[in-house]
Protein backbone atom coordinates (compact mmCIF):
# COMPACT_ATOMS: atom_id res chain seq x y z
CA GLY A 1 0.24 -0.20 -0.08
CA ILE A 2 1.11 3.91 -0.75
CA ILE A 3 0.34 6.74 1.22
CA GLY A 4 -0.23 8.95 -1.40
CA GLY A 5 -1.27 9.41 -5.27
CA GLY A 6 1.84 11.97 -6.90
CA GLN A 7 4.02 11.14 -9.34
CA LEU A 8 6.33 9.53 -6.77
CA ALA A 9 3.69 6.91 -6.11
CA LEU A 10 3.10 6.80 -9.79
CA MET A 11 6.69 5.18 -10.21
CA LEU A 12 6.75 3.15 -7.06
CA ALA A 13 3.20 1.07 -8.36
CA GLU A 14 4.99 1.20 -11.85
CA ALA A 15 7.92 -0.95 -10.37
CA SER A 16 5.80 -3.28 -8.16
CA ASN A 17 3.97 -3.72 -11.64
CA ASN A 18 7.63 -5.08 -12.91
CA ARG A 19 8.50 -7.33 -10.04
CA GLY A 20 3.80 -8.58 -10.06
CA ILE A 21 3.45 -7.03 -7.17
CA LYS A 22 0.05 -6.25 -6.45
CA VAL A 23 -0.40 -2.21 -5.27
CA CYS A 24 -2.92 -0.15 -3.41
CA VAL A 25 -2.52 3.86 -3.54
CA GLN A 26 -4.91 5.79 -1.37
CA THR A 27 -5.12 9.41 -3.63
CA LYS A 28 -7.70 12.23 -2.96
CA SER A 29 -9.25 10.51 -6.75
CA SER A 30 -8.10 8.29 -8.85
CA ASN A 31 -7.96 10.17 -11.99
CA ASP A 32 -4.34 11.17 -9.76
CA PRO A 33 -1.32 10.54 -10.79
CA ALA A 34 -0.93 6.76 -9.51
CA GLY A 35 -4.18 6.20 -9.91
CA SER A 36 -3.39 4.59 -13.54
CA LYS A 37 -1.51 2.08 -12.27
CA ALA A 38 -2.29 0.73 -9.17
CA ASP A 39 -4.44 -2.29 -9.07
CA PHE A 40 -6.79 -0.62 -6.29
CA VAL A 41 -7.54 3.12 -5.23
CA ILE A 42 -8.65 3.82 -1.92
CA GLU A 43 -10.10 7.70 -2.54
CA ALA A 44 -9.18 9.26 0.50
CA ASP A 45 -7.06 12.55 1.50
CA PRO A 46 -3.54 10.40 2.20
CA LEU A 47 -3.98 12.70 5.52
CA LYS A 48 -7.42 11.18 6.46
CA VAL A 49 -7.14 8.73 8.91
CA LYS A 50 -10.15 6.66 7.95
CA GLY A 51 -8.62 6.19 4.50
CA ASN A 52 -5.69 4.89 6.21
CA LYS A 53 -7.45 2.24 7.98
CA ASP A 54 -9.03 1.35 5.02
CA LEU A 55 -5.40 0.96 3.02
CA ILE A 56 -4.52 -0.93 6.49
CA LYS A 57 -7.45 -3.23 5.96
CA GLU A 58 -6.05 -4.75 2.44
CA CYS A 59 -2.19 -4.19 2.62
CA GLU A 60 0.53 -6.24 4.25
CA LYS A 61 3.21 -3.33 4.27
CA ILE A 62 2.76 0.26 4.11
CA ILE A 63 4.85 3.11 2.19
CA PHE A 64 4.60 6.44 2.23
CA GLU A 65 5.43 8.57 -1.64
CA ASN A 66 6.14 11.27 1.12
CA GLU A 67 6.84 12.57 4.11
CA TRP A 68 3.68 15.00 5.31
CA ILE A 69 2.05 12.47 7.35
CA LYS A 70 0.79 12.85 10.93
CA ILE A 71 3.08 10.45 12.89
CA GLU A 72 0.54 10.38 15.99
CA LYS A 73 -2.53 9.55 14.65
CA LEU A 74 -0.92 6.34 12.26
CA ASN A 75 0.76 5.36 15.37
CA LEU A 76 -3.09 4.42 17.33
CA ILE A 77 -4.17 2.40 14.34
CA GLY A 78 -1.52 0.46 12.63
CA SER A 79 0.75 -2.20 13.86
CA LYS A 80 4.28 -1.19 14.16
CA ASN A 81 5.38 -3.77 12.16
CA ILE A 82 3.51 -2.44 8.66
CA PHE A 83 5.16 0.85 8.40
CA VAL A 84 8.58 0.74 5.53
CA PRO A 85 9.89 3.00 7.01
CA SER A 86 8.77 2.20 10.75
CA LEU A 87 7.07 5.66 12.10
CA GLU A 88 9.97 5.24 15.02
CA SER A 89 12.71 6.10 12.16
CA ILE A 90 11.32 8.74 10.30
CA GLU A 91 9.50 10.63 12.89
CA PRO A 92 12.79 12.92 12.93
CA LEU A 93 12.65 13.23 9.48
CA VAL A 94 9.15 14.23 8.82
CA ASP A 95 9.77 18.98 9.68
CA ARG A 96 13.07 20.66 9.28
CA ILE A 97 12.86 21.62 12.81
CA SER A 98 13.57 17.96 13.91
CA GLN A 99 15.63 17.41 11.27
CA LYS A 100 18.31 20.22 11.91
CA LYS A 101 17.79 18.75 15.45
CA LEU A 102 18.83 15.65 14.60
CA ILE A 103 21.72 16.54 12.51
CA LYS A 104 22.80 18.46 15.65
CA ARG A 105 22.59 15.88 17.88
CA MET A 106 24.65 13.60 15.96
CA ASN A 107 27.32 16.66 15.04
CA LEU A 108 26.84 16.93 11.42
CA PRO A 109 27.90 19.28 9.14
CA SER A 110 25.25 21.95 8.38
CA PRO A 111 24.28 25.52 8.21
CA ASP A 112 23.94 26.74 11.24
CA TRP A 113 19.79 27.82 12.55
CA ILE A 114 18.37 29.51 14.81
CA SER A 115 14.07 28.62 14.72
CA ILE A 116 11.74 32.07 14.75
CA LYS A 117 11.05 31.31 18.49
CA GLU A 118 13.93 31.34 19.51
CA PHE A 119 15.30 33.96 17.36
CA LYS A 120 13.11 36.53 18.94
CA SER A 121 14.11 35.90 22.47
CA LEU A 122 17.60 37.36 21.25
CA ASP A 123 19.41 40.43 22.55
CA ASP A 124 20.47 43.22 20.11
CA GLU A 125 23.91 42.04 20.19
CA GLU A 126 23.28 38.29 19.93
CA ILE A 127 20.50 39.83 16.72
CA ASN A 128 23.49 41.44 15.52
CA GLU A 129 25.56 38.06 15.24
CA TRP A 130 24.03 37.02 12.60
CA ASN A 131 24.74 38.43 8.46
CA TYR A 132 22.79 38.83 5.98
CA PRO A 133 21.37 37.50 3.39
CA LEU A 134 19.56 35.27 5.86
CA MET A 135 17.38 32.56 4.80
CA VAL A 136 14.51 31.51 6.21
CA LYS A 137 12.56 28.04 6.22
CA SER A 138 9.44 27.05 6.74
CA TYR A 139 8.77 23.69 9.37
CA LYS A 140 6.80 21.96 7.42
CA GLY A 141 5.49 21.16 3.29
CA GLY A 142 8.83 22.83 2.03
CA TYR A 143 9.54 21.61 -1.32
CA ASP A 144 10.29 22.89 -4.93
CA GLY A 145 11.18 26.30 -3.54
CA LYS A 146 8.43 27.09 -1.25
CA GLY A 147 8.59 27.16 2.00
CA ASN A 148 11.72 28.87 1.48
CA LYS A 149 12.57 32.58 1.39
CA LYS A 150 15.37 34.79 1.28
CA ILE A 151 16.29 37.99 3.57
CA ASN A 152 18.34 40.40 2.95
CA THR A 153 18.48 43.03 5.15
CA LYS A 154 17.65 43.24 8.91
CA GLU A 155 14.43 45.98 7.24
CA ASP A 156 13.11 42.79 5.16
CA LEU A 157 13.11 40.33 8.24
CA ASN A 158 11.16 42.28 10.49
CA SER A 159 8.81 43.01 7.59
CA PHE A 160 8.41 38.99 7.01
CA LEU A 161 8.10 38.41 10.98
CA VAL A 162 5.15 40.57 11.28
CA GLU A 163 3.78 39.21 8.02
CA THR A 164 3.84 35.78 8.69
CA ASN A 165 2.99 35.93 12.34
CA SER A 166 4.06 32.51 13.61
CA ASP A 167 7.22 30.34 14.70
CA GLU A 168 6.98 27.86 12.46
CA TRP A 169 9.77 29.19 10.40
CA LEU A 170 13.70 28.54 11.10
CA ILE A 171 16.59 31.12 10.17
CA GLU A 172 19.71 29.25 8.30
CA GLU A 173 22.97 31.20 7.78
CA TRP A 174 23.24 32.09 4.20
CA VAL A 175 25.92 29.76 2.52
CA ASP A 176 27.54 30.48 -0.79
CA TYR A 177 28.44 27.37 -2.28
CA LYS A 178 29.78 26.40 -5.64
CA ASN A 179 27.71 22.68 -6.12
CA GLU A 180 24.59 21.52 -4.96
CA PHE A 181 25.39 17.17 -5.06
CA ALA A 182 22.55 14.43 -4.18
CA LEU A 183 22.87 11.42 -2.29
CA VAL A 184 20.56 8.71 -2.51
CA GLY A 185 20.71 5.08 -1.37
CA SER A 186 18.46 2.59 -0.16
CA ARG A 187 18.59 0.67 3.55
CA ASP A 188 17.08 -2.93 3.60
CA PHE A 189 15.83 -4.95 6.79
CA ASP A 190 18.94 -7.01 7.26
CA GLY A 191 21.07 -3.24 7.83
CA THR A 192 22.62 -3.59 4.35
CA ILE A 193 23.27 0.08 2.78
CA ARG A 194 22.93 0.60 -1.72
CA PHE A 195 23.88 3.61 -2.93
CA PHE A 196 23.43 5.43 -6.23
CA PRO A 197 26.15 7.82 -7.62
CA ILE A 198 26.46 10.93 -6.18
CA VAL A 199 24.66 13.11 -7.94
CA GLU A 200 25.05 17.48 -9.06
CA THR A 201 22.21 19.00 -9.56
CA PHE A 202 21.18 22.32 -11.12
CA GLN A 203 18.58 24.85 -9.85
CA LYS A 204 16.45 27.50 -11.06
CA ASN A 205 14.10 29.53 -9.02
CA ASN A 206 15.28 27.02 -5.51
CA VAL A 207 13.72 24.48 -8.15
CA CYS A 208 16.21 21.50 -9.71
CA ASP A 209 15.99 22.28 -13.23
CA TRP A 210 18.33 19.38 -14.37
CA VAL A 211 20.75 16.63 -12.56
CA ILE A 212 23.83 15.27 -14.50
CA SER A 213 24.66 11.71 -12.49
CA PRO A 214 27.62 10.63 -11.35
CA ALA A 215 29.22 14.23 -10.20
CA GLU A 216 32.21 14.75 -10.01
CA VAL A 217 33.73 14.56 -7.03
CA ASN A 218 37.27 13.05 -4.86
CA TYR A 219 37.09 10.74 -3.27
CA ASP A 220 37.76 12.29 0.12
CA LEU A 221 34.03 13.86 -0.80
CA LYS A 222 32.28 10.79 -1.94
CA THR A 223 33.78 8.77 1.56
CA PHE A 224 32.65 11.75 3.45
CA ALA A 225 28.95 12.20 2.13
CA ILE A 226 28.79 7.96 2.00
CA ASN A 227 29.61 8.42 5.73
CA ILE A 228 27.01 11.03 6.75
CA PHE A 229 24.57 9.01 4.99
CA SER A 230 25.43 5.69 6.45
CA SER A 231 25.70 7.28 10.08
CA ILE A 232 21.90 8.78 10.22
CA VAL A 233 19.78 5.70 8.89
CA ASN A 234 21.84 3.45 10.92
CA GLU A 235 21.43 5.94 13.95
CA LEU A 236 17.31 5.85 13.29
CA ASN A 237 17.58 1.79 11.73
CA TYR A 238 15.68 3.42 8.95
CA VAL A 239 14.32 1.06 6.40
CA GLY A 240 13.72 2.04 3.19
CA VAL A 241 15.03 4.63 0.64
CA MET A 242 16.23 7.98 1.60
CA ALA A 243 18.30 11.31 -0.04
CA ILE A 244 20.72 14.00 1.41
CA GLU A 245 20.99 16.94 -0.52
CA PHE A 246 24.03 19.01 0.03
CA PHE A 247 25.78 22.05 -0.19
CA TYR A 248 29.54 22.47 -1.73
CA GLY A 249 31.81 25.62 -1.01
CA ASP A 250 34.53 26.84 0.80
CA THR A 251 32.98 25.85 4.36
CA GLY A 252 32.96 22.15 3.18
CA LEU A 253 30.81 19.39 2.83
CA LEU A 254 27.20 20.64 4.73
CA ILE A 255 23.50 19.32 5.09
CA ASN A 256 20.66 21.65 3.37
CA GLU A 257 18.02 18.88 3.52
CA ILE A 258 16.92 15.35 4.61
CA ALA A 259 14.52 13.30 2.15
CA PRO A 260 12.79 10.01 3.23
CA ARG A 261 11.51 9.12 0.71
CA THR A 262 12.24 8.45 -3.62
CA HIS A 263 13.75 11.59 -4.66
CA ASN A 264 13.76 13.53 -7.38
CA SER A 265 17.66 13.93 -7.87
CA ALA A 266 17.50 10.45 -8.65
CA HIS A 267 14.78 9.71 -10.87
CA PHE A 268 17.91 8.99 -13.77
CA SER A 269 17.53 5.69 -12.07
CA ILE A 270 14.98 4.72 -14.03
CA GLU A 271 17.00 3.79 -17.65
CA ALA A 272 20.56 4.26 -16.07
CA CYS A 273 20.95 1.62 -13.24
CA SER A 274 20.35 -1.98 -12.37
CA SER A 275 18.02 -1.15 -9.88
CA SER A 276 16.08 1.97 -9.64
CA GLN A 277 15.29 3.92 -6.50
CA PHE A 278 12.05 2.69 -6.92
CA ASP A 279 12.87 -0.38 -7.35
CA GLN A 280 14.98 -0.42 -4.02
CA TYR A 281 11.99 0.34 -2.13
CA ILE A 282 9.36 -1.94 -3.69
CA CYS A 283 11.84 -4.71 -3.24
CA ILE A 284 12.96 -3.85 0.45
CA SER A 285 9.06 -2.97 2.01
CA SER A 286 7.71 -6.79 0.17
CA GLY A 287 10.53 -8.29 1.42
CA ILE A 288 12.68 -9.15 -1.87
CA LYS A 289 16.43 -8.80 -1.53
CA PRO A 290 16.84 -6.28 -3.46
CA PRO A 291 19.25 -5.83 -6.44
CA GLU A 292 23.02 -4.11 -6.56
CA ILE A 293 22.84 -1.09 -8.06
CA ASN A 294 25.45 -0.48 -11.21
CA MET A 295 25.19 2.35 -13.50
CA TYR A 296 24.27 0.55 -17.09
CA ALA A 297 25.70 3.63 -18.31
CA GLN A 298 28.78 6.25 -17.85
CA GLY A 299 26.35 8.33 -17.06
CA SER A 300 23.30 10.52 -17.41
CA LEU A 301 20.96 13.39 -17.62
CA MET A 302 17.41 13.90 -15.99
CA ILE A 303 15.71 17.23 -17.32
CA ASN A 304 12.56 18.01 -15.05
CA LEU A 305 9.39 19.24 -17.40
CA LEU A 306 7.50 22.26 -15.35
CA GLY A 307 4.05 23.44 -16.40
CA LEU A 308 4.10 26.17 -18.66
CA LYS A 309 2.13 29.47 -19.28
CA LYS A 310 -1.44 28.98 -21.32
CA LYS A 311 -0.26 30.94 -24.01
CA PHE A 312 2.49 28.85 -24.38
CA PRO A 313 2.84 28.51 -28.39
CA LEU A 314 3.01 24.63 -28.13
CA SER A 315 0.47 22.27 -26.93
CA ILE A 316 1.18 19.76 -24.32
CA GLU A 317 0.73 16.93 -26.79
CA LYS A 318 3.50 18.94 -29.32
CA ARG A 319 5.49 18.97 -26.65
CA ILE A 320 6.02 15.62 -25.96
CA GLU A 321 5.81 14.73 -29.70
CA LEU A 322 8.85 16.48 -30.21
CA LEU A 323 10.89 15.61 -27.49
CA SER A 324 10.30 11.84 -28.13
CA LYS A 325 12.26 12.20 -31.31
CA ILE A 326 15.10 13.50 -29.62
CA LYS A 327 17.88 10.84 -29.73
CA GLY A 328 18.36 8.62 -26.78
CA SER A 329 14.92 10.46 -25.31
CA ASN A 330 12.74 8.44 -22.30
CA LEU A 331 10.62 10.71 -21.70
CA HIS A 332 8.32 10.05 -17.88
CA TRP A 333 4.64 11.12 -18.57
CA TYR A 334 2.88 11.74 -15.03
CA GLY A 335 -0.40 12.28 -16.40
CA LYS A 336 -1.58 14.90 -14.46
CA SER A 337 -5.00 16.49 -15.47
CA LYS A 338 -3.90 20.31 -15.51
CA GLU A 339 -0.79 22.24 -16.02
CA SER A 340 -0.34 24.96 -14.24
CA VAL A 341 2.95 27.16 -14.26
CA GLY A 342 5.84 25.51 -12.53
CA ARG A 343 4.00 22.47 -11.92
CA LYS A 344 6.27 18.50 -12.16
CA MET A 345 4.51 17.40 -15.30
CA ALA A 346 7.25 15.40 -16.95
CA HIS A 347 10.96 14.11 -16.34
CA ILE A 348 13.35 12.98 -19.27
CA THR A 349 16.47 10.61 -19.33
CA PHE A 350 19.73 10.49 -21.90
CA LEU A 351 22.31 8.10 -21.49
CA LEU A 352 25.43 9.46 -21.80
CA ASN A 353 28.12 7.00 -22.24
CA GLU A 354 31.20 9.55 -22.90
CA ASP A 355 34.55 8.55 -20.97
CA ASN A 356 35.00 11.88 -18.82
CA GLN A 357 33.37 14.33 -17.12
CA SER A 358 34.25 16.86 -19.58
CA LYS A 359 32.41 14.94 -22.35
CA ARG A 360 29.35 14.63 -20.01
CA VAL A 361 28.82 18.04 -18.99
CA GLU A 362 29.32 18.94 -22.43
CA LYS A 363 27.04 16.32 -24.07
CA SER A 364 24.27 17.18 -21.47
CA LYS A 365 24.34 20.94 -22.06
CA GLU A 366 23.86 20.41 -26.07
CA ILE A 367 20.75 17.41 -24.88
CA LEU A 368 19.73 20.08 -22.31
CA ASN A 369 19.60 23.27 -25.10
CA LYS A 370 17.64 20.93 -27.59
CA VAL A 371 15.52 20.30 -24.89
CA ARG A 372 14.59 23.84 -23.80
CA GLU A 373 13.83 24.63 -27.28
CA ILE A 374 10.56 22.75 -27.05
CA TRP A 375 9.79 22.72 -23.71
CA PRO A 376 11.67 25.29 -21.85
CA SER A 377 11.60 26.32 -17.81
CA PRO A 378 9.01 28.31 -16.48
CA ASN A 379 12.07 29.77 -14.37
CA ASP A 380 14.26 30.81 -17.08
């Protein structure tokens, strides 16, 4: 069973189908993306307890499309062993403030931060120790640039505090990073950890635009990232798939955020790897030993396709037709009924067979330009 019915649940359902495993999704409408691939659909808001109860009755195991779940309510209605990952292991990761506290407790590298509530109690001298710009982030629901705001001056911050009138935010030091990396991996019930290649992600307006795999990182950086990932999943006894987003620059490798689920940065794995991130999660949760992860090609490029304005001259159908004609394209259409600006509608993956990173980056930019001529980013 999958709580959620968006594009991540769709790709989990496809992985289930490939394994011959029946899947039931709990989502608001059977017309949601995962509804088309699920064997059964429970039409209910994923946060509603009645729907959760119905899903539990139908399924041997329950997995999550995303971390927006109500732990306290799920604890009351389900057997502890039915959820993968366990509610206990996912609880410290469901919002930003609990993630930050975990990272701090484990003494792992991340930007300095303070809750809005704590910040308000500081004296003037302590407040002046925080240099601008700053980043403010909401505790919950932050994704694709939502729940983030850059604060350039003290006046901006004062205005923000008045406008939001909420303590459900944190303040984070601004990081002048050179690269953004992501590492996705899995951990099974035996404690075996498997990793996808570290990737480099490229953002526009705080939303991922494209991803190249593998990233060009040295041995020490790769080892450090792997050790951070392993420390977190082992500390939490976490079973399932997890992603960690990193900043990298003059201050070294810093954890940006942790996603306790499958992740946009590893969509490339469907075509590029012997086992995708979705396959790993399905195997682990259904008791199948997950395959080892190997790349089928020297590298890969994944490009996100976001919703455009109604006045855009090419219809969706025409865009899909033209993209499909690009040599080597693997288009994943999410089946969303409505295109709105910035909404994730699809992604497209290309395998790269060039023998060094500079050639792969050059080829990626060449392909990216072709794709953006047909389907530009709304964030340009």
